[in-house]
mmCIF file of all heavy atoms, coordinates in Angstrom:
data_MODEL
# 
_entry.id   MODEL 
# 
loop_
_atom_site.group_PDB 
_atom_site.id 
_atom_site.type_symbol 
_atom_site.label_atom_id 
_atom_site.label_alt_id 
_atom_site.label_comp_id 
_atom_site.label_asym_id 
_atom_site.label_entity_id 
_atom_site.label_seq_id 
_atom_site.pdbx_PDB_ins_code 
_atom_site.Cartn_x 
_atom_site.Cartn_y 
_atom_site.Cartn_z 
_atom_site.occupancy 
_atom_site.B_iso_or_equiv 
_atom_site.pdbx_formal_charge 
_atom_site.auth_seq_id 
_atom_site.auth_comp_id 
_atom_site.auth_asym_id 
_atom_site.auth_atom_id 
_atom_site.pdbx_PDB_model_num 
ATOM 1   N N   . MET A 1 1  ? -31.809 -71.846 -24.599 1.00 0.00 ? 1  MET A N   1 
ATOM 2   C CA  . MET A 1 1  ? -32.835 -71.762 -23.577 1.00 0.00 ? 1  MET A CA  1 
ATOM 3   C C   . MET A 1 1  ? -33.999 -70.938 -24.118 1.00 0.00 ? 1  MET A C   1 
ATOM 4   O O   . MET A 1 1  ? -33.802 -69.879 -24.668 1.00 0.00 ? 1  MET A O   1 
ATOM 5   C CB  . MET A 1 1  ? -32.287 -71.079 -22.327 1.00 0.00 ? 1  MET A CB  1 
ATOM 6   C CG  . MET A 1 1  ? -31.178 -71.816 -21.621 1.00 0.00 ? 1  MET A CG  1 
ATOM 7   S SD  . MET A 1 1  ? -31.520 -73.514 -21.198 1.00 0.00 ? 1  MET A SD  1 
ATOM 8   C CE  . MET A 1 1  ? -33.064 -73.429 -20.393 1.00 0.00 ? 1  MET A CE  1 
ATOM 9   N N   . LEU A 1 2  ? -35.177 -71.468 -23.921 1.00 0.00 ? 2  LEU A N   1 
ATOM 10  C CA  . LEU A 1 2  ? -36.387 -70.776 -24.341 1.00 0.00 ? 2  LEU A CA  1 
ATOM 11  C C   . LEU A 1 2  ? -37.194 -70.396 -23.104 1.00 0.00 ? 2  LEU A C   1 
ATOM 12  O O   . LEU A 1 2  ? -37.390 -71.212 -22.208 1.00 0.00 ? 2  LEU A O   1 
ATOM 13  C CB  . LEU A 1 2  ? -37.228 -71.679 -25.251 1.00 0.00 ? 2  LEU A CB  1 
ATOM 14  C CG  . LEU A 1 2  ? -36.535 -72.176 -26.509 1.00 0.00 ? 2  LEU A CG  1 
ATOM 15  C CD1 . LEU A 1 2  ? -37.405 -73.205 -27.211 1.00 0.00 ? 2  LEU A CD1 1 
ATOM 16  C CD2 . LEU A 1 2  ? -36.221 -71.020 -27.422 1.00 0.00 ? 2  LEU A CD2 1 
ATOM 17  N N   . HIS A 1 3  ? -37.651 -69.181 -23.086 1.00 0.00 ? 3  HIS A N   1 
ATOM 18  C CA  . HIS A 1 3  ? -38.509 -68.683 -22.012 1.00 0.00 ? 3  HIS A CA  1 
ATOM 19  C C   . HIS A 1 3  ? -39.954 -68.867 -22.469 1.00 0.00 ? 3  HIS A C   1 
ATOM 20  O O   . HIS A 1 3  ? -40.369 -68.309 -23.481 1.00 0.00 ? 3  HIS A O   1 
ATOM 21  C CB  . HIS A 1 3  ? -38.204 -67.198 -21.768 1.00 0.00 ? 3  HIS A CB  1 
ATOM 22  C CG  . HIS A 1 3  ? -39.099 -66.568 -20.764 1.00 0.00 ? 3  HIS A CG  1 
ATOM 23  N ND1 . HIS A 1 3  ? -40.272 -65.949 -21.115 1.00 0.00 ? 3  HIS A ND1 1 
ATOM 24  C CD2 . HIS A 1 3  ? -39.002 -66.467 -19.420 1.00 0.00 ? 3  HIS A CD2 1 
ATOM 25  C CE1 . HIS A 1 3  ? -40.853 -65.473 -20.029 1.00 0.00 ? 3  HIS A CE1 1 
ATOM 26  N NE2 . HIS A 1 3  ? -40.111 -65.778 -18.996 1.00 0.00 ? 3  HIS A NE2 1 
ATOM 27  N N   . PHE A 1 4  ? -40.706 -69.681 -21.738 1.00 0.00 ? 4  PHE A N   1 
ATOM 28  C CA  . PHE A 1 4  ? -42.106 -69.916 -22.078 1.00 0.00 ? 4  PHE A CA  1 
ATOM 29  C C   . PHE A 1 4  ? -42.964 -69.240 -21.017 1.00 0.00 ? 4  PHE A C   1 
ATOM 30  O O   . PHE A 1 4  ? -43.090 -69.740 -19.892 1.00 0.00 ? 4  PHE A O   1 
ATOM 31  C CB  . PHE A 1 4  ? -42.400 -71.421 -22.133 1.00 0.00 ? 4  PHE A CB  1 
ATOM 32  C CG  . PHE A 1 4  ? -43.757 -71.711 -22.707 1.00 0.00 ? 4  PHE A CG  1 
ATOM 33  C CD1 . PHE A 1 4  ? -43.913 -71.908 -24.056 1.00 0.00 ? 4  PHE A CD1 1 
ATOM 34  C CD2 . PHE A 1 4  ? -44.872 -71.778 -21.888 1.00 0.00 ? 4  PHE A CD2 1 
ATOM 35  C CE1 . PHE A 1 4  ? -45.162 -72.172 -24.603 1.00 0.00 ? 4  PHE A CE1 1 
ATOM 36  C CE2 . PHE A 1 4  ? -46.131 -72.031 -22.407 1.00 0.00 ? 4  PHE A CE2 1 
ATOM 37  C CZ  . PHE A 1 4  ? -46.276 -72.224 -23.764 1.00 0.00 ? 4  PHE A CZ  1 
ATOM 38  N N   . PRO A 1 5  ? -43.575 -68.094 -21.350 1.00 0.00 ? 5  PRO A N   1 
ATOM 39  C CA  . PRO A 1 5  ? -44.286 -67.273 -20.356 1.00 0.00 ? 5  PRO A CA  1 
ATOM 40  C C   . PRO A 1 5  ? -45.700 -67.773 -20.047 1.00 0.00 ? 5  PRO A C   1 
ATOM 41  O O   . PRO A 1 5  ? -46.690 -67.174 -20.444 1.00 0.00 ? 5  PRO A O   1 
ATOM 42  C CB  . PRO A 1 5  ? -44.311 -65.908 -21.034 1.00 0.00 ? 5  PRO A CB  1 
ATOM 43  C CG  . PRO A 1 5  ? -44.411 -66.247 -22.497 1.00 0.00 ? 5  PRO A CG  1 
ATOM 44  C CD  . PRO A 1 5  ? -43.589 -67.496 -22.676 1.00 0.00 ? 5  PRO A CD  1 
ATOM 45  N N   . ILE A 1 6  ? -45.813 -68.851 -19.296 1.00 0.00 ? 6  ILE A N   1 
ATOM 46  C CA  . ILE A 1 6  ? -47.127 -69.427 -19.021 1.00 0.00 ? 6  ILE A CA  1 
ATOM 47  C C   . ILE A 1 6  ? -48.006 -68.505 -18.178 1.00 0.00 ? 6  ILE A C   1 
ATOM 48  O O   . ILE A 1 6  ? -49.229 -68.520 -18.318 1.00 0.00 ? 6  ILE A O   1 
ATOM 49  C CB  . ILE A 1 6  ? -47.007 -70.842 -18.383 1.00 0.00 ? 6  ILE A CB  1 
ATOM 50  C CG1 . ILE A 1 6  ? -48.346 -71.588 -18.453 1.00 0.00 ? 6  ILE A CG1 1 
ATOM 51  C CG2 . ILE A 1 6  ? -46.502 -70.755 -16.954 1.00 0.00 ? 6  ILE A CG2 1 
ATOM 52  C CD1 . ILE A 1 6  ? -48.835 -71.879 -19.838 1.00 0.00 ? 6  ILE A CD1 1 
ATOM 53  N N   . GLY A 1 7  ? -47.411 -67.669 -17.340 1.00 0.00 ? 7  GLY A N   1 
ATOM 54  C CA  . GLY A 1 7  ? -48.206 -66.736 -16.527 1.00 0.00 ? 7  GLY A CA  1 
ATOM 55  C C   . GLY A 1 7  ? -49.054 -65.804 -17.374 1.00 0.00 ? 7  GLY A C   1 
ATOM 56  O O   . GLY A 1 7  ? -50.291 -65.766 -17.228 1.00 0.00 ? 7  GLY A O   1 
ATOM 57  N N   . PRO A 1 8  ? -48.446 -65.037 -18.295 1.00 0.00 ? 8  PRO A N   1 
ATOM 58  C CA  . PRO A 1 8  ? -49.250 -64.164 -19.163 1.00 0.00 ? 8  PRO A CA  1 
ATOM 59  C C   . PRO A 1 8  ? -50.212 -64.939 -20.065 1.00 0.00 ? 8  PRO A C   1 
ATOM 60  O O   . PRO A 1 8  ? -51.321 -64.482 -20.326 1.00 0.00 ? 8  PRO A O   1 
ATOM 61  C CB  . PRO A 1 8  ? -48.200 -63.430 -19.997 1.00 0.00 ? 8  PRO A CB  1 
ATOM 62  C CG  . PRO A 1 8  ? -46.951 -63.495 -19.192 1.00 0.00 ? 8  PRO A CG  1 
ATOM 63  C CD  . PRO A 1 8  ? -47.015 -64.792 -18.443 1.00 0.00 ? 8  PRO A CD  1 
ATOM 64  N N   . ILE A 1 9  ? -49.786 -66.108 -20.511 1.00 0.00 ? 9  ILE A N   1 
ATOM 65  C CA  . ILE A 1 9  ? -50.679 -66.923 -21.344 1.00 0.00 ? 9  ILE A CA  1 
ATOM 66  C C   . ILE A 1 9  ? -51.893 -67.334 -20.532 1.00 0.00 ? 9  ILE A C   1 
ATOM 67  O O   . ILE A 1 9  ? -53.035 -67.238 -20.996 1.00 0.00 ? 9  ILE A O   1 
ATOM 68  C CB  . ILE A 1 9  ? -49.929 -68.149 -21.907 1.00 0.00 ? 9  ILE A CB  1 
ATOM 69  C CG1 . ILE A 1 9  ? -48.887 -67.697 -22.929 1.00 0.00 ? 9  ILE A CG1 1 
ATOM 70  C CG2 . ILE A 1 9  ? -50.909 -69.143 -22.521 1.00 0.00 ? 9  ILE A CG2 1 
ATOM 71  C CD1 . ILE A 1 9  ? -47.925 -68.780 -23.365 1.00 0.00 ? 9  ILE A CD1 1 
ATOM 72  N N   . ARG A 1 10 ? -51.667 -67.765 -19.306 1.00 0.00 ? 10 ARG A N   1 
ATOM 73  C CA  . ARG A 1 10 ? -52.765 -68.182 -18.418 1.00 0.00 ? 10 ARG A CA  1 
ATOM 74  C C   . ARG A 1 10 ? -53.750 -67.033 -18.208 1.00 0.00 ? 10 ARG A C   1 
ATOM 75  O O   . ARG A 1 10 ? -54.960 -67.241 -18.179 1.00 0.00 ? 10 ARG A O   1 
ATOM 76  C CB  . ARG A 1 10 ? -52.177 -68.624 -17.081 1.00 0.00 ? 10 ARG A CB  1 
ATOM 77  C CG  . ARG A 1 10 ? -53.176 -69.204 -16.118 1.00 0.00 ? 10 ARG A CG  1 
ATOM 78  C CD  . ARG A 1 10 ? -52.526 -69.573 -14.790 1.00 0.00 ? 10 ARG A CD  1 
ATOM 79  N NE  . ARG A 1 10 ? -51.490 -70.579 -14.965 1.00 0.00 ? 10 ARG A NE  1 
ATOM 80  C CZ  . ARG A 1 10 ? -50.220 -70.418 -14.578 1.00 0.00 ? 10 ARG A CZ  1 
ATOM 81  N NH1 . ARG A 1 10 ? -49.825 -69.296 -13.992 1.00 0.00 ? 10 ARG A NH1 1 
ATOM 82  N NH2 . ARG A 1 10 ? -49.342 -71.371 -14.750 1.00 0.00 ? 10 ARG A NH2 1 
ATOM 83  N N   . ARG A 1 11 ? -53.228 -65.826 -18.048 1.00 0.00 ? 11 ARG A N   1 
ATOM 84  C CA  . ARG A 1 11 ? -54.100 -64.673 -17.806 1.00 0.00 ? 11 ARG A CA  1 
ATOM 85  C C   . ARG A 1 11 ? -54.902 -64.260 -19.032 1.00 0.00 ? 11 ARG A C   1 
ATOM 86  O O   . ARG A 1 11 ? -55.960 -63.651 -18.905 1.00 0.00 ? 11 ARG A O   1 
ATOM 87  C CB  . ARG A 1 11 ? -53.275 -63.480 -17.319 1.00 0.00 ? 11 ARG A CB  1 
ATOM 88  C CG  . ARG A 1 11 ? -52.800 -63.599 -15.902 1.00 0.00 ? 11 ARG A CG  1 
ATOM 89  C CD  . ARG A 1 11 ? -52.192 -62.305 -15.386 1.00 0.00 ? 11 ARG A CD  1 
ATOM 90  N NE  . ARG A 1 11 ? -51.055 -61.842 -16.171 1.00 0.00 ? 11 ARG A NE  1 
ATOM 91  C CZ  . ARG A 1 11 ? -49.788 -62.215 -15.986 1.00 0.00 ? 11 ARG A CZ  1 
ATOM 92  N NH1 . ARG A 1 11 ? -49.496 -63.090 -15.043 1.00 0.00 ? 11 ARG A NH1 1 
ATOM 93  N NH2 . ARG A 1 11 ? -48.828 -61.733 -16.732 1.00 0.00 ? 11 ARG A NH2 1 
ATOM 94  N N   . ASN A 1 12 ? -54.405 -64.558 -20.229 1.00 0.00 ? 12 ASN A N   1 
ATOM 95  C CA  . ASN A 1 12 ? -55.009 -63.996 -21.435 1.00 0.00 ? 12 ASN A CA  1 
ATOM 96  C C   . ASN A 1 12 ? -55.651 -64.981 -22.408 1.00 0.00 ? 12 ASN A C   1 
ATOM 97  O O   . ASN A 1 12 ? -56.366 -64.555 -23.308 1.00 0.00 ? 12 ASN A O   1 
ATOM 98  C CB  . ASN A 1 12 ? -53.947 -63.196 -22.202 1.00 0.00 ? 12 ASN A CB  1 
ATOM 99  C CG  . ASN A 1 12 ? -53.505 -61.974 -21.445 1.00 0.00 ? 12 ASN A CG  1 
ATOM 100 O OD1 . ASN A 1 12 ? -54.296 -61.078 -21.204 1.00 0.00 ? 12 ASN A OD1 1 
ATOM 101 N ND2 . ASN A 1 12 ? -52.252 -61.949 -21.038 1.00 0.00 ? 12 ASN A ND2 1 
ATOM 102 N N   . TYR A 1 13 ? -55.419 -66.269 -22.267 1.00 0.00 ? 13 TYR A N   1 
ATOM 103 C CA  . TYR A 1 13 ? -55.851 -67.178 -23.321 1.00 0.00 ? 13 TYR A CA  1 
ATOM 104 C C   . TYR A 1 13 ? -57.372 -67.191 -23.524 1.00 0.00 ? 13 TYR A C   1 
ATOM 105 O O   . TYR A 1 13 ? -57.849 -67.353 -24.649 1.00 0.00 ? 13 TYR A O   1 
ATOM 106 C CB  . TYR A 1 13 ? -55.286 -68.593 -23.128 1.00 0.00 ? 13 TYR A CB  1 
ATOM 107 C CG  . TYR A 1 13 ? -56.053 -69.470 -22.176 1.00 0.00 ? 13 TYR A CG  1 
ATOM 108 C CD1 . TYR A 1 13 ? -57.071 -70.299 -22.632 1.00 0.00 ? 13 TYR A CD1 1 
ATOM 109 C CD2 . TYR A 1 13 ? -55.765 -69.484 -20.816 1.00 0.00 ? 13 TYR A CD2 1 
ATOM 110 C CE1 . TYR A 1 13 ? -57.767 -71.112 -21.760 1.00 0.00 ? 13 TYR A CE1 1 
ATOM 111 C CE2 . TYR A 1 13 ? -56.452 -70.291 -19.948 1.00 0.00 ? 13 TYR A CE2 1 
ATOM 112 C CZ  . TYR A 1 13 ? -57.459 -71.100 -20.422 1.00 0.00 ? 13 TYR A CZ  1 
ATOM 113 O OH  . TYR A 1 13 ? -58.154 -71.895 -19.558 1.00 0.00 ? 13 TYR A OH  1 
ATOM 114 N N   . LYS A 1 14 ? -58.142 -66.982 -22.462 1.00 0.00 ? 14 LYS A N   1 
ATOM 115 C CA  . LYS A 1 14 ? -59.603 -66.975 -22.627 1.00 0.00 ? 14 LYS A CA  1 
ATOM 116 C C   . LYS A 1 14 ? -60.048 -65.783 -23.469 1.00 0.00 ? 14 LYS A C   1 
ATOM 117 O O   . LYS A 1 14 ? -60.979 -65.903 -24.271 1.00 0.00 ? 14 LYS A O   1 
ATOM 118 C CB  . LYS A 1 14 ? -60.298 -66.986 -21.268 1.00 0.00 ? 14 LYS A CB  1 
ATOM 119 C CG  . LYS A 1 14 ? -60.186 -68.330 -20.579 1.00 0.00 ? 14 LYS A CG  1 
ATOM 120 C CD  . LYS A 1 14 ? -60.939 -68.362 -19.280 1.00 0.00 ? 14 LYS A CD  1 
ATOM 121 C CE  . LYS A 1 14 ? -60.763 -69.723 -18.619 1.00 0.00 ? 14 LYS A CE  1 
ATOM 122 N NZ  . LYS A 1 14 ? -61.439 -69.804 -17.337 1.00 0.00 ? 14 LYS A NZ  1 
ATOM 123 N N   . GLN A 1 15 ? -59.385 -64.630 -23.303 1.00 0.00 ? 15 GLN A N   1 
ATOM 124 C CA  . GLN A 1 15 ? -59.673 -63.469 -24.150 1.00 0.00 ? 15 GLN A CA  1 
ATOM 125 C C   . GLN A 1 15 ? -59.284 -63.758 -25.589 1.00 0.00 ? 15 GLN A C   1 
ATOM 126 O O   . GLN A 1 15 ? -59.990 -63.393 -26.517 1.00 0.00 ? 15 GLN A O   1 
ATOM 127 C CB  . GLN A 1 15 ? -58.903 -62.234 -23.673 1.00 0.00 ? 15 GLN A CB  1 
ATOM 128 C CG  . GLN A 1 15 ? -59.580 -61.337 -22.688 1.00 0.00 ? 15 GLN A CG  1 
ATOM 129 C CD  . GLN A 1 15 ? -60.981 -60.946 -23.086 1.00 0.00 ? 15 GLN A CD  1 
ATOM 130 O OE1 . GLN A 1 15 ? -61.934 -61.465 -22.519 1.00 0.00 ? 15 GLN A OE1 1 
ATOM 131 N NE2 . GLN A 1 15 ? -61.149 -60.047 -24.042 1.00 0.00 ? 15 GLN A NE2 1 
ATOM 132 N N   . TRP A 1 16 ? -58.131 -64.399 -25.769 1.00 0.00 ? 16 TRP A N   1 
ATOM 133 C CA  . TRP A 1 16 ? -57.644 -64.707 -27.115 1.00 0.00 ? 16 TRP A CA  1 
ATOM 134 C C   . TRP A 1 16 ? -58.561 -65.684 -27.837 1.00 0.00 ? 16 TRP A C   1 
ATOM 135 O O   . TRP A 1 16 ? -58.642 -65.660 -29.068 1.00 0.00 ? 16 TRP A O   1 
ATOM 136 C CB  . TRP A 1 16 ? -56.227 -65.255 -27.061 1.00 0.00 ? 16 TRP A CB  1 
ATOM 137 C CG  . TRP A 1 16 ? -55.216 -64.258 -26.579 1.00 0.00 ? 16 TRP A CG  1 
ATOM 138 C CD1 . TRP A 1 16 ? -55.279 -62.891 -26.668 1.00 0.00 ? 16 TRP A CD1 1 
ATOM 139 C CD2 . TRP A 1 16 ? -53.978 -64.540 -25.939 1.00 0.00 ? 16 TRP A CD2 1 
ATOM 140 N NE1 . TRP A 1 16 ? -54.168 -62.314 -26.120 1.00 0.00 ? 16 TRP A NE1 1 
ATOM 141 C CE2 . TRP A 1 16 ? -53.341 -63.316 -25.666 1.00 0.00 ? 16 TRP A CE2 1 
ATOM 142 C CE3 . TRP A 1 16 ? -53.331 -65.712 -25.555 1.00 0.00 ? 16 TRP A CE3 1 
ATOM 143 C CZ2 . TRP A 1 16 ? -52.106 -63.222 -25.047 1.00 0.00 ? 16 TRP A CZ2 1 
ATOM 144 C CZ3 . TRP A 1 16 ? -52.097 -65.623 -24.944 1.00 0.00 ? 16 TRP A CZ3 1 
ATOM 145 C CH2 . TRP A 1 16 ? -51.489 -64.389 -24.691 1.00 0.00 ? 16 TRP A CH2 1 
ATOM 146 N N   . LEU A 1 17 ? -59.234 -66.548 -27.092 1.00 0.00 ? 17 LEU A N   1 
ATOM 147 C CA  . LEU A 1 17 ? -60.176 -67.478 -27.711 1.00 0.00 ? 17 LEU A CA  1 
ATOM 148 C C   . LEU A 1 17 ? -61.324 -66.744 -28.412 1.00 0.00 ? 17 LEU A C   1 
ATOM 149 O O   . LEU A 1 17 ? -61.910 -67.265 -29.359 1.00 0.00 ? 17 LEU A O   1 
ATOM 150 C CB  . LEU A 1 17 ? -60.761 -68.440 -26.670 1.00 0.00 ? 17 LEU A CB  1 
ATOM 151 C CG  . LEU A 1 17 ? -59.896 -69.625 -26.271 1.00 0.00 ? 17 LEU A CG  1 
ATOM 152 C CD1 . LEU A 1 17 ? -60.510 -70.342 -25.070 1.00 0.00 ? 17 LEU A CD1 1 
ATOM 153 C CD2 . LEU A 1 17 ? -59.695 -70.578 -27.430 1.00 0.00 ? 17 LEU A CD2 1 
ATOM 154 N N   . LYS A 1 18 ? -61.617 -65.541 -27.959 1.00 0.00 ? 18 LYS A N   1 
ATOM 155 C CA  . LYS A 1 18 ? -62.724 -64.768 -28.511 1.00 0.00 ? 18 LYS A CA  1 
ATOM 156 C C   . LYS A 1 18 ? -62.355 -64.027 -29.792 1.00 0.00 ? 18 LYS A C   1 
ATOM 157 O O   . LYS A 1 18 ? -63.215 -63.426 -30.421 1.00 0.00 ? 18 LYS A O   1 
ATOM 158 C CB  . LYS A 1 18 ? -63.222 -63.758 -27.470 1.00 0.00 ? 18 LYS A CB  1 
ATOM 159 C CG  . LYS A 1 18 ? -63.758 -64.411 -26.211 1.00 0.00 ? 18 LYS A CG  1 
ATOM 160 C CD  . LYS A 1 18 ? -64.099 -63.355 -25.170 1.00 0.00 ? 18 LYS A CD  1 
ATOM 161 C CE  . LYS A 1 18 ? -64.480 -64.006 -23.844 1.00 0.00 ? 18 LYS A CE  1 
ATOM 162 N NZ  . LYS A 1 18 ? -64.711 -63.001 -22.797 1.00 0.00 ? 18 LYS A NZ  1 
ATOM 163 N N   . THR A 1 19 ? -61.070 -64.051 -30.178 1.00 0.00 ? 19 THR A N   1 
ATOM 164 C CA  . THR A 1 19 ? -60.620 -63.340 -31.374 1.00 0.00 ? 19 THR A CA  1 
ATOM 165 C C   . THR A 1 19 ? -60.332 -64.331 -32.504 1.00 0.00 ? 19 THR A C   1 
ATOM 166 O O   . THR A 1 19 ? -60.156 -65.524 -32.275 1.00 0.00 ? 19 THR A O   1 
ATOM 167 C CB  . THR A 1 19 ? -59.342 -62.529 -31.081 1.00 0.00 ? 19 THR A CB  1 
ATOM 168 O OG1 . THR A 1 19 ? -58.277 -63.439 -30.778 1.00 0.00 ? 19 THR A OG1 1 
ATOM 169 C CG2 . THR A 1 19 ? -59.554 -61.566 -29.926 1.00 0.00 ? 19 THR A CG2 1 
ATOM 170 N N   . ASP A 1 20 ? -60.297 -63.813 -33.721 1.00 0.00 ? 20 ASP A N   1 
ATOM 171 C CA  . ASP A 1 20 ? -59.979 -64.663 -34.872 1.00 0.00 ? 20 ASP A CA  1 
ATOM 172 C C   . ASP A 1 20 ? -58.503 -65.015 -34.933 1.00 0.00 ? 20 ASP A C   1 
ATOM 173 O O   . ASP A 1 20 ? -58.133 -66.071 -35.429 1.00 0.00 ? 20 ASP A O   1 
ATOM 174 C CB  . ASP A 1 20 ? -60.367 -63.962 -36.177 1.00 0.00 ? 20 ASP A CB  1 
ATOM 175 C CG  . ASP A 1 20 ? -61.875 -63.854 -36.336 1.00 0.00 ? 20 ASP A CG  1 
ATOM 176 O OD1 . ASP A 1 20 ? -62.600 -64.674 -35.740 1.00 0.00 ? 20 ASP A OD1 1 
ATOM 177 O OD2 . ASP A 1 20 ? -62.327 -62.943 -37.053 1.00 0.00 ? 20 ASP A OD2 1 
ATOM 178 N N   . HIS A 1 21 ? -57.674 -64.113 -34.473 1.00 0.00 ? 21 HIS A N   1 
ATOM 179 C CA  . HIS A 1 21 ? -56.228 -64.333 -34.493 1.00 0.00 ? 21 HIS A CA  1 
ATOM 180 C C   . HIS A 1 21 ? -55.638 -63.707 -33.234 1.00 0.00 ? 21 HIS A C   1 
ATOM 181 O O   . HIS A 1 21 ? -55.993 -62.602 -32.867 1.00 0.00 ? 21 HIS A O   1 
ATOM 182 C CB  . HIS A 1 21 ? -55.599 -63.694 -35.734 1.00 0.00 ? 21 HIS A CB  1 
ATOM 183 C CG  . HIS A 1 21 ? -54.147 -64.009 -35.877 1.00 0.00 ? 21 HIS A CG  1 
ATOM 184 N ND1 . HIS A 1 21 ? -53.707 -65.181 -36.434 1.00 0.00 ? 21 HIS A ND1 1 
ATOM 185 C CD2 . HIS A 1 21 ? -53.043 -63.330 -35.509 1.00 0.00 ? 21 HIS A CD2 1 
ATOM 186 C CE1 . HIS A 1 21 ? -52.385 -65.198 -36.410 1.00 0.00 ? 21 HIS A CE1 1 
ATOM 187 N NE2 . HIS A 1 21 ? -51.953 -64.084 -35.850 1.00 0.00 ? 21 HIS A NE2 1 
ATOM 188 N N   . ALA A 1 22 ? -54.752 -64.444 -32.587 1.00 0.00 ? 22 ALA A N   1 
ATOM 189 C CA  . ALA A 1 22 ? -54.144 -63.951 -31.347 1.00 0.00 ? 22 ALA A CA  1 
ATOM 190 C C   . ALA A 1 22 ? -52.634 -64.133 -31.398 1.00 0.00 ? 22 ALA A C   1 
ATOM 191 O O   . ALA A 1 22 ? -52.115 -64.933 -32.175 1.00 0.00 ? 22 ALA A O   1 
ATOM 192 C CB  . ALA A 1 22 ? -54.724 -64.700 -30.146 1.00 0.00 ? 22 ALA A CB  1 
ATOM 193 N N   . VAL A 1 23 ? -51.967 -63.411 -30.533 1.00 0.00 ? 23 VAL A N   1 
ATOM 194 C CA  . VAL A 1 23 ? -50.513 -63.502 -30.437 1.00 0.00 ? 23 VAL A CA  1 
ATOM 195 C C   . VAL A 1 23 ? -50.075 -64.931 -30.120 1.00 0.00 ? 23 VAL A C   1 
ATOM 196 O O   . VAL A 1 23 ? -49.016 -65.369 -30.556 1.00 0.00 ? 23 VAL A O   1 
ATOM 197 C CB  . VAL A 1 23 ? -49.967 -62.478 -29.411 1.00 0.00 ? 23 VAL A CB  1 
ATOM 198 C CG1 . VAL A 1 23 ? -50.389 -62.833 -28.002 1.00 0.00 ? 23 VAL A CG1 1 
ATOM 199 C CG2 . VAL A 1 23 ? -48.470 -62.348 -29.508 1.00 0.00 ? 23 VAL A CG2 1 
ATOM 200 N N   . LEU A 1 24 ? -50.893 -65.684 -29.403 1.00 0.00 ? 24 LEU A N   1 
ATOM 201 C CA  . LEU A 1 24 ? -50.553 -67.064 -29.070 1.00 0.00 ? 24 LEU A CA  1 
ATOM 202 C C   . LEU A 1 24 ? -50.511 -67.949 -30.326 1.00 0.00 ? 24 LEU A C   1 
ATOM 203 O O   . LEU A 1 24 ? -49.713 -68.875 -30.405 1.00 0.00 ? 24 LEU A O   1 
ATOM 204 C CB  . LEU A 1 24 ? -51.528 -67.637 -28.034 1.00 0.00 ? 24 LEU A CB  1 
ATOM 205 C CG  . LEU A 1 24 ? -51.164 -68.983 -27.433 1.00 0.00 ? 24 LEU A CG  1 
ATOM 206 C CD1 . LEU A 1 24 ? -49.780 -68.957 -26.780 1.00 0.00 ? 24 LEU A CD1 1 
ATOM 207 C CD2 . LEU A 1 24 ? -52.205 -69.416 -26.416 1.00 0.00 ? 24 LEU A CD2 1 
ATOM 208 N N   . ASP A 1 25 ? -51.347 -67.642 -31.311 1.00 0.00 ? 25 ASP A N   1 
ATOM 209 C CA  . ASP A 1 25 ? -51.293 -68.378 -32.578 1.00 0.00 ? 25 ASP A CA  1 
ATOM 210 C C   . ASP A 1 25 ? -49.903 -68.233 -33.206 1.00 0.00 ? 25 ASP A C   1 
ATOM 211 O O   . ASP A 1 25 ? -49.317 -69.208 -33.678 1.00 0.00 ? 25 ASP A O   1 
ATOM 212 C CB  . ASP A 1 25 ? -52.335 -67.846 -33.570 1.00 0.00 ? 25 ASP A CB  1 
ATOM 213 C CG  . ASP A 1 25 ? -53.764 -67.971 -33.074 1.00 0.00 ? 25 ASP A CG  1 
ATOM 214 O OD1 . ASP A 1 25 ? -54.060 -68.909 -32.319 1.00 0.00 ? 25 ASP A OD1 1 
ATOM 215 O OD2 . ASP A 1 25 ? -54.579 -67.124 -33.467 1.00 0.00 ? 25 ASP A OD2 1 
ATOM 216 N N   . ASP A 1 26 ? -49.397 -67.001 -33.201 1.00 0.00 ? 26 ASP A N   1 
ATOM 217 C CA  . ASP A 1 26 ? -48.071 -66.742 -33.771 1.00 0.00 ? 26 ASP A CA  1 
ATOM 218 C C   . ASP A 1 26 ? -46.968 -67.366 -32.929 1.00 0.00 ? 26 ASP A C   1 
ATOM 219 O O   . ASP A 1 26 ? -46.024 -67.946 -33.457 1.00 0.00 ? 26 ASP A O   1 
ATOM 220 C CB  . ASP A 1 26 ? -47.823 -65.237 -33.897 1.00 0.00 ? 26 ASP A CB  1 
ATOM 221 C CG  . ASP A 1 26 ? -48.757 -64.568 -34.886 1.00 0.00 ? 26 ASP A CG  1 
ATOM 222 O OD1 . ASP A 1 26 ? -49.215 -65.254 -35.839 1.00 0.00 ? 26 ASP A OD1 1 
ATOM 223 O OD2 . ASP A 1 26 ? -49.032 -63.375 -34.717 1.00 0.00 ? 26 ASP A OD2 1 
# 
């Protein structure tokens, strides 16, 4: 079973778009 945390991703992905590398990339 994999836990996919869409809530935190939803809250942060726009901020991550502004960086060269983000935790979502990893």
